[in-house]
C-alpha atoms as a PDB file:
ATOM      1  CA  MET A   1     101.086 108.143 104.108  1.00  0.00           C
ATOM      2  CA  PRO A   2      99.672 105.224 102.138  1.00  0.00           C
ATOM      3  CA  SER A   3      98.202 106.113  98.785  1.00  0.00           C
ATOM      4  CA  ALA A   4      95.292 103.708  98.995  1.00  0.00           C
ATOM      5  CA  ALA A   5      93.534 102.165 101.959  1.00  0.00           C
ATOM      6  CA  PRO A   6      93.064  98.421 102.523  1.00  0.00           C
ATOM      7  CA  THR A   7      89.953  97.107 100.783  1.00  0.00           C
ATOM      8  CA  GLY A   8      88.671  94.662 103.364  1.00  0.00           C
ATOM      9  CA  ALA A   9      85.487  96.687 103.805  1.00  0.00           C
ATOM     10  CA  ARG A  10      82.600  95.609 101.605  1.00  0.00           C
ATOM     11  CA  PRO A  11      79.483  97.536 100.612  1.00  0.00           C
ATOM     12  CA  GLY A  12      77.129  97.223 103.569  1.00  0.00           C
ATOM     13  CA  PRO A  13      73.673  98.419 104.650  1.00  0.00           C
ATOM     14  CA  VAL A  14      74.573 102.010 103.767  1.00  0.00           C
ATOM     15  CA  PHE A  15      75.064 100.948 100.146  1.00  0.00           C
ATOM     16  CA  THR A  16      71.817  98.956 100.058  1.00  0.00           C
ATOM     17  CA  ILE A  17      69.743 101.711 101.640  1.00  0.00           C
ATOM     18  CA  GLY A  18      71.419 104.446  99.610  1.00  0.00           C
ATOM     19  CA  ARG A  19      70.781 102.645  96.357  1.00  0.00           C
ATOM     20  CA  ALA A  20      67.129 102.083  97.247  1.00  0.00           C
ATOM     21  CA  VAL A  21      66.715 105.802  97.977  1.00  0.00           C
ATOM     22  CA  LEU A  22      68.701 107.089  95.002  1.00  0.00           C
ATOM     23  CA  ARG A  23      67.113 104.958  92.296  1.00  0.00           C
ATOM     24  CA  PRO A  24      63.721 106.701  92.304  1.00  0.00           C
ATOM     25  CA  LEU A  25      65.359 110.106  92.716  1.00  0.00           C
ATOM     26  CA  LEU A  26      67.624 109.484  89.734  1.00  0.00           C
ATOM     27  CA  TRP A  27      64.639 108.361  87.708  1.00  0.00           C
ATOM     28  CA  LEU A  28      62.734 111.553  88.455  1.00  0.00           C
ATOM     29  CA  ARG A  29      65.707 113.808  87.684  1.00  0.00           C
ATOM     30  CA  PHE A  30      67.481 112.076  84.794  1.00  0.00           C
ATOM     31  CA  ARG A  31      65.100 109.367  83.520  1.00  0.00           C
ATOM     32  CA  PRO A  32      67.979 106.904  83.062  1.00  0.00           C
ATOM     33  CA  ARG A  33      67.466 104.061  80.613  1.00  0.00           C
ATOM     34  CA  VAL A  34      69.483 101.003  81.694  1.00  0.00           C
ATOM     35  CA  THR A  35      70.046  98.055  79.372  1.00  0.00           C
ATOM     36  CA  GLY A  36      72.180  94.918  79.375  1.00  0.00           C
ATOM     37  CA  ARG A  37      72.194  94.187  83.101  1.00  0.00           C
ATOM     38  CA  GLU A  38      72.010  90.501  82.207  1.00  0.00           C
ATOM     39  CA  HIS A  39      75.605  90.721  80.960  1.00  0.00           C
ATOM     40  CA  VAL A  40      76.906  91.156  84.520  1.00  0.00           C
ATOM     41  CA  PRO A  41      77.604  87.676  85.988  1.00  0.00           C
ATOM     42  CA  GLY A  42      75.728  86.945  89.191  1.00  0.00           C
ATOM     43  CA  THR A  43      78.843  85.621  90.945  1.00  0.00           C
ATOM     44  CA  GLY A  44      82.597  85.947  90.691  1.00  0.00           C
ATOM     45  CA  ALA A  45      84.975  88.818  90.036  1.00  0.00           C
ATOM     46  CA  VAL A  46      83.693  91.442  87.604  1.00  0.00           C
ATOM     47  CA  LEU A  47      85.521  94.492  86.293  1.00  0.00           C
ATOM     48  CA  LEU A  48      83.163  97.182  85.002  1.00  0.00           C
ATOM     49  CA  ALA A  49      85.053  99.357  82.487  1.00  0.00           C
ATOM     50  CA  SER A  50      83.209 102.532  81.575  1.00  0.00           C
ATOM     51  CA  ASN A  51      83.608 105.799  79.723  1.00  0.00           C
ATOM     52  CA  HIS A  52      83.577 108.868  81.956  1.00  0.00           C
ATOM     53  CA  LEU A  53      81.604 112.040  81.195  1.00  0.00           C
ATOM     54  CA  SER A  54      80.686 113.572  84.572  1.00  0.00           C
ATOM     55  CA  GLY A  55      80.500 113.126  88.326  1.00  0.00           C
ATOM     56  CA  LEU A  56      77.074 111.535  87.861  1.00  0.00           C
ATOM     57  CA  ASP A  57      78.795 108.446  86.471  1.00  0.00           C
ATOM     58  CA  THR A  58      80.044 107.317  89.884  1.00  0.00           C
ATOM     59  CA  ILE A  59      76.461 107.395  91.187  1.00  0.00           C
ATOM     60  CA  LEU A  60      74.700 105.965  88.161  1.00  0.00           C
ATOM     61  CA  ILE A  61      76.854 102.853  87.806  1.00  0.00           C
ATOM     62  CA  PRO A  62      76.502 101.564  91.412  1.00  0.00           C
ATOM     63  CA  THR A  63      72.767 102.321  91.494  1.00  0.00           C
ATOM     64  CA  SER A  64      72.161 100.580  88.153  1.00  0.00           C
ATOM     65  CA  ALA A  65      74.360  97.504  88.391  1.00  0.00           C
ATOM     66  CA  PRO A  66      72.709  94.264  89.572  1.00  0.00           C
ATOM     67  CA  ARG A  67      75.455  93.691  92.180  1.00  0.00           C
ATOM     68  CA  PRO A  68      77.185  95.930  94.727  1.00  0.00           C
ATOM     69  CA  VAL A  69      80.000  97.884  93.076  1.00  0.00           C
ATOM     70  CA  GLN A  70      83.205  99.224  94.632  1.00  0.00           C
ATOM     71  CA  PHE A  71      85.261 102.068  93.234  1.00  0.00           C
ATOM     72  CA  LEU A  72      88.072 104.468  94.068  1.00  0.00           C
ATOM     73  CA  ALA A  73      87.325 107.882  95.593  1.00  0.00           C
ATOM     74  CA  LYS A  74      89.658 110.766  96.405  1.00  0.00           C
ATOM     75  CA  ALA A  75      90.853 110.652  99.986  1.00  0.00           C
ATOM     76  CA  SER A  76      89.574 114.140 100.823  1.00  0.00           C
ATOM     77  CA  LEU A  77      86.016 112.766 100.782  1.00  0.00           C
ATOM     78  CA  PHE A  78      86.891 110.636 103.825  1.00  0.00           C
ATOM     79  CA  GLU A  79      88.327 113.409 105.966  1.00  0.00           C
ATOM     80  CA  SER A  80      85.171 114.205 107.928  1.00  0.00           C
ATOM     81  CA  ARG A  81      83.589 111.684 110.276  1.00  0.00           C
ATOM     82  CA  LEU A  82      80.367 111.657 108.268  1.00  0.00           C
ATOM     83  CA  GLY A  83      82.196 111.358 104.968  1.00  0.00           C
ATOM     84  CA  SER A  84      84.339 108.499 106.217  1.00  0.00           C
ATOM     85  CA  TRP A  85      81.299 106.657 107.578  1.00  0.00           C
ATOM     86  CA  PHE A  86      79.313 107.089 104.374  1.00  0.00           C
ATOM     87  CA  PHE A  87      81.965 106.336 101.773  1.00  0.00           C
ATOM     88  CA  ARG A  88      83.383 103.378 103.665  1.00  0.00           C
ATOM     89  CA  GLY A  89      79.824 102.139 104.166  1.00  0.00           C
ATOM     90  CA  ILE A  90      79.249 102.030 100.418  1.00  0.00           C
ATOM     91  CA  GLY A  91      82.552 100.239  99.862  1.00  0.00           C
ATOM     92  CA  ALA A  92      84.479 103.147  98.331  1.00  0.00           C
ATOM     93  CA  ILE A  93      88.274 102.946  98.561  1.00  0.00           C
ATOM     94  CA  PRO A  94      90.156 106.155  99.459  1.00  0.00           C
ATOM     95  CA  VAL A  95      93.122 106.993  97.241  1.00  0.00           C
ATOM     96  CA  HIS A  96      95.697 109.759  97.771  1.00  0.00           C
ATOM     97  CA  ARG A  97      96.358 110.990  94.237  1.00  0.00           C
ATOM     98  CA  SER A  98      99.331 113.118  95.267  1.00  0.00           C
ATOM     99  CA  ALA A  99     101.145 110.307  97.095  1.00  0.00           C
ATOM    100  CA  SER A 100     104.120 108.566  95.545  1.00  0.00           C
ATOM    101  CA  GLY A 101     103.029 105.325  93.901  1.00  0.00           C
ATOM    102  CA  ALA A 102      99.341 106.271  93.974  1.00  0.00           C
ATOM    103  CA  ALA A 103      98.626 104.726  90.569  1.00  0.00           C
ATOM    104  CA  GLN A 104     100.041 101.329  91.508  1.00  0.00           C
ATOM    105  CA  ALA A 105      98.382 101.452  94.931  1.00  0.00           C
ATOM    106  CA  ALA A 106      95.031 102.073  93.221  1.00  0.00           C
ATOM    107  CA  LEU A 107      95.602  99.056  90.975  1.00  0.00           C
ATOM    108  CA  ASP A 108      96.572  96.922  93.973  1.00  0.00           C
ATOM    109  CA  ALA A 109      93.369  97.988  95.751  1.00  0.00           C
ATOM    110  CA  GLY A 110      91.306  96.980  92.724  1.00  0.00           C
ATOM    111  CA  ARG A 111      93.113  93.668  92.489  1.00  0.00           C
ATOM    112  CA  GLU A 112      92.260  92.925  96.117  1.00  0.00           C
ATOM    113  CA  VAL A 113      88.565  93.607  95.478  1.00  0.00           C
ATOM    114  CA  LEU A 114      88.537  91.367  92.411  1.00  0.00           C
ATOM    115  CA  ALA A 115      90.534  88.618  94.137  1.00  0.00           C
ATOM    116  CA  SER A 116      87.707  88.471  96.676  1.00  0.00           C
ATOM    117  CA  GLY A 117      85.187  87.804  93.915  1.00  0.00           C
ATOM    118  CA  ARG A 118      83.556  91.238  94.058  1.00  0.00           C
ATOM    119  CA  VAL A 119      82.715  93.924  91.480  1.00  0.00           C
ATOM    120  CA  PHE A 120      85.081  96.813  90.832  1.00  0.00           C
ATOM    121  CA  ALA A 121      84.387  99.768  88.508  1.00  0.00           C
ATOM    122  CA  VAL A 122      87.062 101.697  86.627  1.00  0.00           C
ATOM    123  CA  PHE A 123      87.315 104.440  84.036  1.00  0.00           C
ATOM    124  CA  PRO A 124      90.099 103.377  81.638  1.00  0.00           C
ATOM    125  CA  GLU A 125      90.399 106.960  80.326  1.00  0.00           C
ATOM    126  CA  GLY A 126      91.717 107.973  83.746  1.00  0.00           C
ATOM    127  CA  SER A 127      89.562 111.106  84.077  1.00  0.00           C
ATOM    128  CA  ARG A 128      86.466 112.758  82.642  1.00  0.00           C
ATOM    129  CA  SER A 129      86.236 113.586  78.959  1.00  0.00           C
ATOM    130  CA  ARG A 130      86.576 117.335  78.356  1.00  0.00           C
ATOM    131  CA  ASP A 131      85.321 117.333  74.758  1.00  0.00           C
ATOM    132  CA  GLY A 132      82.828 114.460  74.673  1.00  0.00           C
ATOM    133  CA  ARG A 133      85.212 112.151  72.832  1.00  0.00           C
ATOM    134  CA  LEU A 134      86.445 108.819  74.187  1.00  0.00           C
ATOM    135  CA  ALA A 135      90.056 109.396  75.194  1.00  0.00           C
ATOM    136  CA  ARG A 136      92.822 106.873  74.695  1.00  0.00           C
ATOM    137  CA  GLY A 137      92.632 104.088  77.243  1.00  0.00           C
ATOM    138  CA  ARG A 138      95.290 103.689  79.900  1.00  0.00           C
ATOM    139  CA  GLY A 139      96.568 100.210  80.721  1.00  0.00           C
ATOM    140  CA  GLY A 140      95.286  99.861  84.297  1.00  0.00           C
ATOM    141  CA  ALA A 141      92.002  98.140  83.450  1.00  0.00           C
ATOM    142  CA  ALA A 142      93.777  95.653  81.175  1.00  0.00           C
ATOM    143  CA  TRP A 143      96.366  94.967  83.879  1.00  0.00           C
ATOM    144  CA  LEU A 144      93.640  94.241  86.435  1.00  0.00           C
ATOM    145  CA  ALA A 145      91.780  91.951  84.045  1.00  0.00           C
ATOM    146  CA  LEU A 146      94.862  89.970  83.045  1.00  0.00           C
ATOM    147  CA  GLU A 147      96.183  89.752  86.609  1.00  0.00           C
ATOM    148  CA  THR A 148      92.939  88.532  88.173  1.00  0.00           C
ATOM    149  CA  GLY A 149      91.060  86.802  85.360  1.00  0.00           C
ATOM    150  CA  ALA A 150      88.001  88.894  86.220  1.00  0.00           C
ATOM    151  CA  THR A 151      85.154  89.098  83.734  1.00  0.00           C
ATOM    152  CA  VAL A 152      85.392  92.465  81.977  1.00  0.00           C
ATOM    153  CA  VAL A 153      81.984  94.014  81.309  1.00  0.00           C
ATOM    154  CA  PRO A 154      82.136  97.210  79.226  1.00  0.00           C
ATOM    155  CA  VAL A 155      79.804 100.060  80.130  1.00  0.00           C
ATOM    156  CA  GLY A 156      78.664 102.856  77.846  1.00  0.00           C
ATOM    157  CA  LEU A 157      77.281 106.036  79.417  1.00  0.00           C
ATOM    158  CA  ILE A 158      75.333 108.497  77.283  1.00  0.00           C
ATOM    159  CA  GLY A 159      74.110 111.963  78.248  1.00  0.00           C
ATOM    160  CA  THR A 160      75.443 112.031  81.811  1.00  0.00           C
ATOM    161  CA  ASP A 161      77.189 115.326  81.033  1.00  0.00           C
ATOM    162  CA  ARG A 162      73.688 116.742  80.292  1.00  0.00           C
ATOM    163  CA  ARG A 163      74.829 118.863  77.353  1.00  0.00           C
ATOM    164  CA  ARG A 164      71.983 120.625  75.606  1.00  0.00           C
ATOM    165  CA  PRO A 165      71.639 120.368  71.825  1.00  0.00           C
ATOM    166  CA  ALA A 166      73.250 123.220  69.848  1.00  0.00           C
ATOM    167  CA  GLY A 167      69.832 124.644  68.962  1.00  0.00           C
ATOM    168  CA  GLY A 168      68.558 124.477  72.527  1.00  0.00           C
ATOM    169  CA  GLY A 169      65.906 122.161  73.872  1.00  0.00           C
ATOM    170  CA  ARG A 170      65.969 119.384  76.432  1.00  0.00           C
ATOM    171  CA  PRO A 171      69.231 117.515  77.187  1.00  0.00           C
ATOM    172  CA  PRO A 172      69.364 113.937  75.901  1.00  0.00           C
ATOM    173  CA  ARG A 173      68.014 111.174  78.095  1.00  0.00           C
ATOM    174  CA  VAL A 174      70.687 109.553  80.249  1.00  0.00           C
ATOM    175  CA  GLU A 175      71.533 106.000  79.225  1.00  0.00           C
ATOM    176  CA  LEU A 176      73.675 103.289  80.746  1.00  0.00           C
ATOM    177  CA  ARG A 177      74.469 100.263  78.619  1.00  0.00           C
ATOM    178  CA  PHE A 178      76.146  97.135  79.970  1.00  0.00           C
ATOM    179  CA  GLY A 179      77.706  95.171  77.120  1.00  0.00           C
ATOM    180  CA  PRO A 180      78.711  91.541  76.599  1.00  0.00           C
ATOM    181  CA  PRO A 181      81.954  90.570  78.374  1.00  0.00           C
ATOM    182  CA  VAL A 182      85.157  91.398  76.538  1.00  0.00           C
ATOM    183  CA  ARG A 183      87.005  88.233  75.498  1.00  0.00           C
ATOM    184  CA  LEU A 184      90.614  88.252  76.685  1.00  0.00           C
ATOM    185  CA  GLY A 185      91.352  84.562  77.253  1.00  0.00           C
ATOM    186  CA  ASP A 186      93.395  84.202  74.068  1.00  0.00           C
ATOM    187  CA  LEU A 187      95.934  86.774  75.285  1.00  0.00           C
ATOM    188  CA  ALA A 188      97.388  84.555  78.025  1.00  0.00           C
ATOM    189  CA  GLY A 189     100.334  83.383  75.934  1.00  0.00           C
ATOM    190  CA  LEU A 190     101.445  86.823  74.714  1.00  0.00           C
ATOM    191  CA  PRO A 191     104.244  88.921  76.233  1.00  0.00           C
ATOM    192  CA  ALA A 192     102.869  91.052  79.079  1.00  0.00           C
ATOM    193  CA  GLY A 193     103.199  94.417  77.348  1.00  0.00           C
ATOM    194  CA  ARG A 194     101.626  93.248  74.123  1.00  0.00           C
ATOM    195  CA  ALA A 195      98.807  91.530  76.019  1.00  0.00           C
ATOM    196  CA  ARG A 196      98.009  94.739  77.941  1.00  0.00           C
ATOM    197  CA  ARG A 197      97.984  96.832  74.798  1.00  0.00           C
ATOM    198  CA  GLU A 198      95.681  94.426  72.978  1.00  0.00           C
ATOM    199  CA  ALA A 199      93.408  94.056  76.006  1.00  0.00           C
ATOM    200  CA  THR A 200      93.214  97.842  76.365  1.00  0.00           C
ATOM    201  CA  GLU A 201      92.266  98.220  72.712  1.00  0.00           C
ATOM    202  CA  ARG A 202      89.538  95.569  72.986  1.00  0.00           C
ATOM    203  CA  ILE A 203      88.110  97.179  76.115  1.00  0.00           C
ATOM    204  CA  MET A 204      88.072 100.675  74.595  1.00  0.00           C
ATOM    205  CA  ARG A 205      86.548  99.386  71.364  1.00  0.00           C
ATOM    206  CA  ALA A 206      83.756  97.687  73.315  1.00  0.00           C
ATOM    207  CA  ILE A 207      83.072 100.867  75.310  1.00  0.00           C
ATOM    208  CA  GLN A 208      82.970 102.943  72.125  1.00  0.00           C
ATOM    209  CA  GLN A 209      80.482 100.591  70.499  1.00  0.00           C
ATOM    210  CA  LEU A 210      78.180 101.109  73.497  1.00  0.00           C
ATOM    211  CA  SER A 211      78.641 104.854  73.973  1.00  0.00           C
ATOM    212  CA  GLY A 212      78.796 105.833  70.303  1.00  0.00           C
ATOM    213  CA  GLN A 213      81.538 108.382  71.034  1.00  0.00           C
ATOM    214  CA  GLU A 214      84.189 109.475  68.598  1.00  0.00           C
ATOM    215  CA  ARG A 215      87.544 108.124  69.732  1.00  0.00           C
ATOM    216  CA  SER A 216      90.543 110.332  70.413  1.00  0.00           C
ATOM    217  CA  ASP A 217      94.204 109.367  70.004  1.00  0.00           C
ATOM    218  CA  ASP A 218      95.106 111.466  73.045  1.00  0.00           C
ATOM    219  CA  TYR A 219      95.080 110.572  76.714  1.00  0.00           C
ATOM    220  CA  ALA A 220      92.715 112.472  78.979  1.00  0.00           C
ATOM    221  CA  PRO A 221      94.566 114.983  81.202  1.00  0.00           C
ATOM    222  CA  VAL A 222      95.416 113.672  84.651  1.00  0.00           C
ATOM    223  CA  PRO A 223      93.367 115.570  87.280  1.00  0.00           C
ATOM    224  CA  GLU A 224      95.103 117.647  89.922  1.00  0.00           C
ATOM    225  CA  SER A 225      95.407 116.034  93.349  1.00  0.00           C
ATOM    226  CA  GLY A 226      92.680 118.200  94.788  1.00  0.00           C
ATOM    227  CA  SER A 227      90.200 117.873  91.931  1.00  0.00           C
END
């Protein structure tokens, strides 16, 4: 069984209609404040690298970005006929987390999207933050950026985990901040491993500056295949 499906499908009418419907609903429920959309280039390959606080993140980013966004989704979401139709219609790419080589297959899928000049979103932490801190970045986002030359736009999400203040009261307003592209062009002449490490650090630093999170030296735990 392949661990990631081919990425020839692009976001279609389902994505356009879904985004038009979800935007007002998200506004009513979460009052999202979106800033920095001008930092996302209007054409060419773009890698959106974001922190990850909750399941809302995978809805908020595509509905807020100025261009259609593709992302990975667990394969179980595609098992029903309706699920397959919907998620393929919005350009999601199924990935089998439990399959051998799933991590590399996911990177290859992202590379194919970027090579076609589209927008691909990733969470460099690998999974959701469990304590609100920004976990140590994994090297996949840096690998994609260096392999494809895509423009890396950092994204900072705030309040999507909807945690209430310690003393009670209303949860903080949800914010999504697109930042200026991360400069990586000067890393071309470095050894591959060193270039990935430096690129990862620059990406995570840019995300932290947008999200305001405390950084952790630990990696986020890898989710179970069914989660």
